[in-house]
């Protein structure tokens, strides 16, 4: 599309001037490429908009910003590239992005720690007597005094596994501190770790807030969902939200209802966190009431079964008397 085909939000500011016409004061025509000039151009590219199309290359030449259209496009490319890098940098430094990095690093530490622990225990079992499995066994191995080069290496591997397990615990504590500030409603409702995982799976708090509750319900179950879409498996009832007590602690026949109710409130919590940033007590009350209703079905069914059993016993007793 040419520069006169339509308005371009990256070409001008709200007052109708071009992005190239907002150079710092004291910058003379022909003085191009300075840091302040580039920063001002990038800011205008990011924040500006145009209400009507214009011949921006010609205006840039007339303003002395560029010698010709080719130079204008070269400088436009430089400005848009800088603006994009700044936008990406800001996004990466956002609190929810840091939460995503933390939960992914925690998972990496746990995965590698388990793999190293398995290797360390197997190796140490060939060198020492009575080696216990798991992380506790690794810590016991790390506390040993090696007597040979091979033992030193085995103990060193165990130490690395124990350190990674400690780092995993430290990251979990960090997530517990960051998550309530990033998403207070979501964290209170789901817990810090599950809230962080949902945000990570969605790609951020904003994408999570924009997802329908049905999508939130199956986040983390993508493989099962694709298998269902291809006709190879039934529709998944839940994804990672299964780890929460509201879903996992509900009897199997009611888990679908529990997962739908929980996902619906999680979606509302994410939207409240992203768009308002305020705690909404009503959301949590509604969820507790809904879950109590769902779980009450088990008590009602149990009472119905008990009445049926009693009636059957009375019938048998009457039959016996006759």
Protein backbone atom coordinates (compact mmCIF):
# COMPACT_ATOMS: atom_id res chain seq x y z
CA UNK A 1 0.00 0.00 0.00
CA UNK A 2 1.34 3.43 -0.89
CA UNK A 3 1.62 6.32 1.55
CA UNK A 4 -1.51 7.94 0.18
CA UNK A 5 -3.73 4.85 0.14
CA UNK A 6 -5.04 5.31 3.67
CA UNK A 7 -4.32 6.47 7.20
CA UNK A 8 -1.41 4.90 8.99
CA UNK A 9 -1.23 4.94 12.76
CA UNK A 10 2.55 4.81 12.56
CA UNK A 11 2.94 7.80 10.30
CA UNK A 12 1.69 10.79 12.23
CA UNK A 13 0.61 12.20 15.55
CA UNK A 14 -2.86 13.20 16.61
CA UNK A 15 -2.28 16.84 15.56
CA UNK A 16 -1.80 15.81 11.92
CA UNK A 17 1.94 16.36 11.74
CA UNK A 18 4.26 13.59 10.59
CA UNK A 19 6.28 11.52 13.01
CA UNK A 20 9.41 13.01 11.48
CA UNK A 21 8.30 16.56 12.37
CA UNK A 22 8.72 16.07 16.11
CA UNK A 23 12.46 16.41 16.43
CA UNK A 24 13.94 17.82 19.64
CA UNK A 25 14.35 21.58 19.79
CA UNK A 26 17.71 22.76 18.51
CA UNK A 27 17.98 20.02 15.90
CA UNK A 28 18.75 21.62 12.59
CA UNK A 29 17.67 20.31 9.21
CA UNK A 30 20.17 17.77 8.00
CA UNK A 31 21.26 16.85 11.53
CA UNK A 32 20.05 13.26 11.48
CA UNK A 33 20.80 10.10 13.36
CA UNK A 34 21.30 11.61 16.85
CA UNK A 35 20.15 9.60 19.84
CA UNK A 36 17.54 12.15 20.90
CA UNK A 37 16.28 12.46 17.32
CA UNK A 38 15.92 8.69 16.98
CA UNK A 39 14.21 8.40 20.37
CA UNK A 40 11.70 11.12 19.50
CA UNK A 41 10.95 9.50 16.14
CA UNK A 42 10.42 6.09 17.75
CA UNK A 43 8.09 7.60 20.34
CA UNK A 44 6.00 9.27 17.64
CA UNK A 45 5.83 6.03 15.66
CA UNK A 46 4.56 4.16 18.73
CA UNK A 47 2.08 6.73 20.01
CA UNK A 48 1.03 8.68 16.92
CA UNK A 49 -1.95 8.30 14.62
CA UNK A 50 -3.24 9.91 11.44
CA UNK A 51 -6.86 10.92 10.85
CA UNK A 52 -6.38 11.18 7.09
CA UNK A 53 -3.89 9.93 4.48
CA UNK A 54 -1.02 12.11 3.35
CA UNK A 55 2.02 11.97 1.12
CA UNK A 56 4.43 11.46 3.99
CA UNK A 57 7.61 10.99 1.91
CA UNK A 58 7.02 14.30 0.11
CA UNK A 59 6.31 16.08 3.38
CA UNK A 60 9.46 14.64 4.90
CA UNK A 61 11.52 15.95 1.98
CA UNK A 62 9.89 19.38 2.22
CA UNK A 63 10.59 19.51 5.96
CA UNK A 64 14.25 18.73 5.35
CA UNK A 65 13.97 15.46 7.24
CA UNK A 66 15.11 13.37 4.26
CA UNK A 67 16.77 14.10 0.95
CA UNK A 68 14.45 11.82 -1.02
CA UNK A 69 11.83 9.11 -0.62
CA UNK A 70 14.42 6.34 -0.31
CA UNK A 71 16.09 8.07 2.63
CA UNK A 72 12.67 8.65 4.20
CA UNK A 73 11.87 4.93 4.06
CA UNK A 74 15.29 4.04 5.46
CA UNK A 75 14.69 6.32 8.45
CA UNK A 76 11.12 5.07 8.83
CA UNK A 77 12.47 1.51 8.99
CA UNK A 78 14.98 2.53 11.66
CA UNK A 79 12.31 4.31 13.70
CA UNK A 80 9.81 1.46 13.54
CA UNK A 81 12.50 -1.08 14.42
CA UNK A 82 13.50 0.93 17.48
CA UNK A 83 9.86 1.41 18.50
CA UNK A 84 9.26 -2.34 18.23
CA UNK A 85 12.33 -3.17 20.31
CA UNK A 86 11.25 -0.73 23.02
CA UNK A 87 7.74 -2.20 23.06
CA UNK A 88 9.13 -5.73 23.35
CA UNK A 89 11.53 -4.64 26.12
CA UNK A 90 8.69 -3.09 28.10
CA UNK A 91 6.55 -6.18 27.65
CA UNK A 92 9.32 -8.50 28.77
CA UNK A 93 9.86 -6.43 31.91
CA UNK A 94 6.15 -6.47 32.81
CA UNK A 95 5.26 -8.19 36.06
CA UNK A 96 3.24 -10.97 34.44
CA UNK A 97 6.12 -11.71 32.07
CA UNK A 98 8.45 -12.09 35.06
CA UNK A 99 5.91 -14.43 36.64
CA UNK A 100 5.94 -16.54 33.47
CA UNK A 101 9.75 -16.72 33.50
CA UNK A 102 9.71 -17.72 37.17
CA UNK A 103 7.21 -20.57 36.79
CA UNK A 104 8.94 -21.92 33.69
CA UNK A 105 12.32 -21.76 35.44
CA UNK A 106 10.79 -23.57 38.41
CA UNK A 107 9.56 -26.35 36.14
CA UNK A 108 12.97 -26.57 34.47
CA UNK A 109 14.72 -26.83 37.84
CA UNK A 110 12.34 -29.56 38.98
CA UNK A 111 12.74 -31.55 35.76
CA UNK A 112 16.53 -31.35 35.70
CA UNK A 113 16.79 -31.97 39.46
CA UNK A 114 14.75 -35.16 39.13
CA UNK A 115 16.83 -36.37 36.21
CA UNK A 116 20.10 -35.63 38.02
CA UNK A 117 18.79 -37.20 41.22
CA UNK A 118 17.93 -40.39 39.38
CA UNK A 119 21.38 -40.48 37.82
CA UNK A 120 23.14 -39.65 41.11
CA UNK A 121 21.25 -42.33 43.05
CA UNK A 122 21.95 -44.96 40.42
CA UNK A 123 25.63 -44.02 40.31
CA UNK A 124 25.99 -43.79 44.07
CA UNK A 125 24.27 -47.16 44.47
CA UNK A 126 27.22 -48.75 42.72
CA UNK A 127 29.67 -47.02 45.08
CA UNK A 128 27.98 -46.85 48.49
CA UNK A 129 25.74 -49.06 50.59
CA UNK A 130 22.15 -48.20 51.52
CA UNK A 131 21.40 -45.38 49.07
CA UNK A 132 17.85 -44.05 49.34
CA UNK A 133 15.97 -42.89 46.23
CA UNK A 134 14.64 -39.43 45.49
CA UNK A 135 15.77 -35.99 46.59
CA UNK A 136 16.31 -37.03 50.20
CA UNK A 137 18.60 -39.80 49.03
CA UNK A 138 20.50 -37.29 46.90
CA UNK A 139 20.97 -35.02 49.93
CA UNK A 140 22.38 -37.93 51.89
CA UNK A 141 24.78 -38.68 49.05
CA UNK A 142 25.85 -35.03 48.86
CA UNK A 143 26.71 -35.11 52.58
CA UNK A 144 29.17 -37.98 52.14
CA UNK A 145 32.94 -37.55 52.18
CA UNK A 146 34.29 -38.98 48.92
CA UNK A 147 37.40 -41.11 49.02
CA UNK A 148 38.20 -41.35 45.32
CA UNK A 149 37.90 -39.34 42.14
CA UNK A 150 34.86 -41.32 41.01
CA UNK A 151 33.14 -40.80 44.37
CA UNK A 152 33.87 -37.07 44.20
CA UNK A 153 32.14 -36.84 40.84
CA UNK A 154 29.12 -38.85 42.03
CA UNK A 155 28.83 -36.68 45.14
CA UNK A 156 29.19 -33.56 42.99
CA UNK A 157 26.29 -34.63 40.77
CA UNK A 158 24.20 -35.23 43.89
CA UNK A 159 25.11 -31.75 45.16
CA UNK A 160 23.95 -30.19 41.89
CA UNK A 161 20.65 -32.04 42.09
CA UNK A 162 20.12 -30.87 45.67
CA UNK A 163 20.98 -27.28 44.70
CA UNK A 164 18.47 -27.36 41.86
CA UNK A 165 15.82 -28.67 44.22
CA UNK A 166 16.61 -25.78 46.59
CA UNK A 167 16.35 -23.35 43.68
CA UNK A 168 12.99 -24.83 42.75
CA UNK A 169 11.76 -24.17 46.29
CA UNK A 170 13.14 -20.62 46.20
CA UNK A 171 11.39 -19.94 42.89
CA UNK A 172 8.13 -21.23 44.36
CA UNK A 173 8.50 -18.72 47.20
CA UNK A 174 9.17 -15.95 44.68
CA UNK A 175 6.05 -16.88 42.73
CA UNK A 176 4.10 -16.82 45.98
CA UNK A 177 5.22 -13.22 46.55
CA UNK A 178 4.82 -11.95 42.98
CA UNK A 179 1.53 -13.57 41.98
CA UNK A 180 -0.75 -11.71 44.44
CA UNK A 181 0.56 -8.38 43.15
CA UNK A 182 0.15 -9.35 39.50
CA UNK A 183 -3.25 -11.07 39.74
CA UNK A 184 -4.82 -10.77 43.20
CA UNK A 185 -8.19 -12.31 42.38
CA UNK A 186 -6.75 -15.12 40.27
CA UNK A 187 -4.14 -15.94 42.93
CA UNK A 188 -6.66 -16.01 45.77
CA UNK A 189 -8.97 -18.20 43.74
CA UNK A 190 -6.47 -20.65 42.25
CA UNK A 191 -3.38 -20.34 44.42
CA UNK A 192 -0.12 -18.69 43.41
CA UNK A 193 1.38 -21.61 41.47
CA UNK A 194 -1.75 -22.50 39.49
CA UNK A 195 -2.40 -18.82 38.75
CA UNK A 196 1.16 -18.47 37.43
CA UNK A 197 0.77 -21.60 35.28
CA UNK A 198 -2.50 -20.36 33.78
CA UNK A 199 -0.90 -17.01 32.95
CA UNK A 200 2.10 -18.81 31.42
CA UNK A 201 -0.06 -21.16 29.33
CA UNK A 202 -2.10 -18.22 28.03
CA UNK A 203 1.00 -16.13 27.28
CA UNK A 204 0.25 -13.36 29.77
CA UNK A 205 -2.46 -11.92 31.98
CA UNK A 206 -4.05 -9.94 29.14
CA UNK A 207 -4.37 -12.95 26.78
CA UNK A 208 -5.78 -14.98 29.69
CA UNK A 209 -8.33 -12.25 30.43
CA UNK A 210 -9.48 -12.34 26.80
CA UNK A 211 -9.97 -16.11 26.65
CA UNK A 212 -13.45 -17.61 27.07
CA UNK A 213 -14.02 -19.82 30.09
CA UNK A 214 -14.19 -22.92 27.87
CA UNK A 215 -10.62 -22.33 26.75
CA UNK A 216 -9.43 -21.66 30.30
CA UNK A 217 -11.06 -24.94 31.35
CA UNK A 218 -8.83 -27.03 29.04
CA UNK A 219 -5.58 -25.02 29.24
CA UNK A 220 -2.79 -27.55 29.62
CA UNK A 221 -4.79 -30.34 27.94
CA UNK A 222 -3.97 -29.36 24.38
CA UNK A 223 -2.87 -32.86 23.36
CA UNK A 224 -6.13 -34.38 24.60
CA UNK A 225 -8.12 -31.61 22.92
CA UNK A 226 -6.42 -32.15 19.56
CA UNK A 227 -6.97 -35.90 19.90
CA UNK A 228 -10.67 -35.18 20.48
CA UNK A 229 -10.87 -32.84 17.49
CA UNK A 230 -9.36 -35.54 15.29
CA UNK A 231 -11.93 -38.06 16.55
CA UNK A 232 -9.48 -40.20 18.50
CA UNK A 233 -10.59 -39.38 22.06
CA UNK A 234 -13.48 -37.91 24.06
CA UNK A 235 -13.54 -34.22 24.86
CA UNK A 236 -11.33 -33.37 27.87
CA UNK A 237 -13.23 -32.08 30.89
CA UNK A 238 -10.34 -30.13 32.32
CA UNK A 239 -6.71 -29.20 31.88
CA UNK A 240 -4.28 -27.95 34.49
CA UNK A 241 -7.12 -26.72 36.71
CA UNK A 242 -7.52 -30.39 37.73
CA UNK A 243 -4.69 -29.82 40.21
CA UNK A 244 -6.97 -27.55 42.27
CA UNK A 245 -8.97 -29.08 45.10
CA UNK A 246 -12.23 -27.74 43.71
CA UNK A 247 -11.86 -30.08 40.71
CA UNK A 248 -9.64 -32.89 41.95
CA UNK A 249 -11.59 -33.21 45.21
CA UNK A 250 -14.96 -33.53 43.48
CA UNK A 251 -16.35 -36.97 42.70
CA UNK A 252 -15.72 -38.05 39.07
CA UNK A 253 -19.33 -37.73 37.87
CA UNK A 254 -19.44 -34.08 39.01
CA UNK A 255 -15.96 -33.01 37.89
CA UNK A 256 -17.20 -31.70 34.55
CA UNK A 257 -19.61 -29.34 36.31
CA UNK A 258 -16.96 -28.35 38.84
CA UNK A 259 -14.41 -27.66 36.10
CA UNK A 260 -16.87 -25.50 34.15
CA UNK A 261 -17.85 -23.51 37.23
CA UNK A 262 -14.24 -23.07 38.32
CA UNK A 263 -13.05 -22.05 34.84
CA UNK A 264 -15.86 -19.52 34.55
CA UNK A 265 -14.87 -17.79 37.77
CA UNK A 266 -11.16 -17.96 36.86
CA UNK A 267 -11.96 -16.12 33.62
CA UNK A 268 -13.83 -13.41 35.51
CA UNK A 269 -10.99 -13.16 38.04
CA UNK A 270 -8.41 -12.70 35.28
CA UNK A 271 -10.52 -9.97 33.68
CA UNK A 272 -10.95 -8.20 37.00
CA UNK A 273 -7.19 -8.35 37.60
CA UNK A 274 -6.27 -7.10 34.14
CA UNK A 275 -8.88 -4.42 33.60
CA UNK A 276 -9.56 -3.25 37.16
CA UNK A 277 -6.73 -4.53 39.32
CA UNK A 278 -9.03 -4.64 42.34
CA UNK A 279 -10.08 -7.52 44.54
CA UNK A 280 -13.67 -8.61 43.92
CA UNK A 281 -15.02 -10.40 46.99
CA UNK A 282 -18.26 -11.31 45.24
CA UNK A 283 -16.37 -13.49 42.75
CA UNK A 284 -14.96 -15.65 45.52
CA UNK A 285 -18.26 -15.87 47.37
CA UNK A 286 -20.05 -16.94 44.19
CA UNK A 287 -17.46 -19.64 43.50
CA UNK A 288 -17.70 -21.06 47.01
CA UNK A 289 -21.49 -21.14 46.80
CA UNK A 290 -21.41 -22.85 43.39
CA UNK A 291 -18.91 -25.48 44.50
CA UNK A 292 -20.94 -26.16 47.64
CA UNK A 293 -24.00 -26.73 45.45
CA UNK A 294 -22.14 -29.13 43.17
CA UNK A 295 -20.66 -31.12 46.05
CA UNK A 296 -24.02 -31.27 47.78
CA UNK A 297 -25.18 -33.55 44.97
CA UNK A 298 -22.99 -36.31 46.36
CA UNK A 299 -24.64 -35.99 49.79
CA UNK A 300 -28.11 -35.99 48.21
CA UNK A 301 -27.32 -39.05 46.13
CA UNK A 302 -25.86 -40.78 49.17
CA UNK A 303 -28.99 -40.00 51.19
CA UNK A 304 -31.15 -41.29 48.33
CA UNK A 305 -29.20 -44.52 48.19
CA UNK A 306 -29.51 -44.93 51.96
CA UNK A 307 -33.30 -44.46 51.81
CA UNK A 308 -33.49 -46.98 48.99
CA UNK A 309 -31.51 -49.50 50.98
CA UNK A 310 -33.71 -49.02 54.05
CA UNK A 311 -36.87 -49.45 51.95
CA UNK A 312 -35.48 -52.60 50.42
CA UNK A 313 -34.61 -53.99 53.84
CA UNK A 314 -38.14 -53.28 55.14
CA UNK A 315 -39.65 -55.01 52.13
CA UNK A 316 -37.51 -58.06 52.69
CA UNK A 317 -38.47 -58.10 56.37
CA UNK A 318 -42.19 -57.99 55.55
CA UNK A 319 -41.76 -60.79 53.03
CA UNK A 320 -39.98 -62.91 55.59
CA UNK A 321 -42.79 -62.36 58.14
CA UNK A 322 -45.40 -63.47 55.64
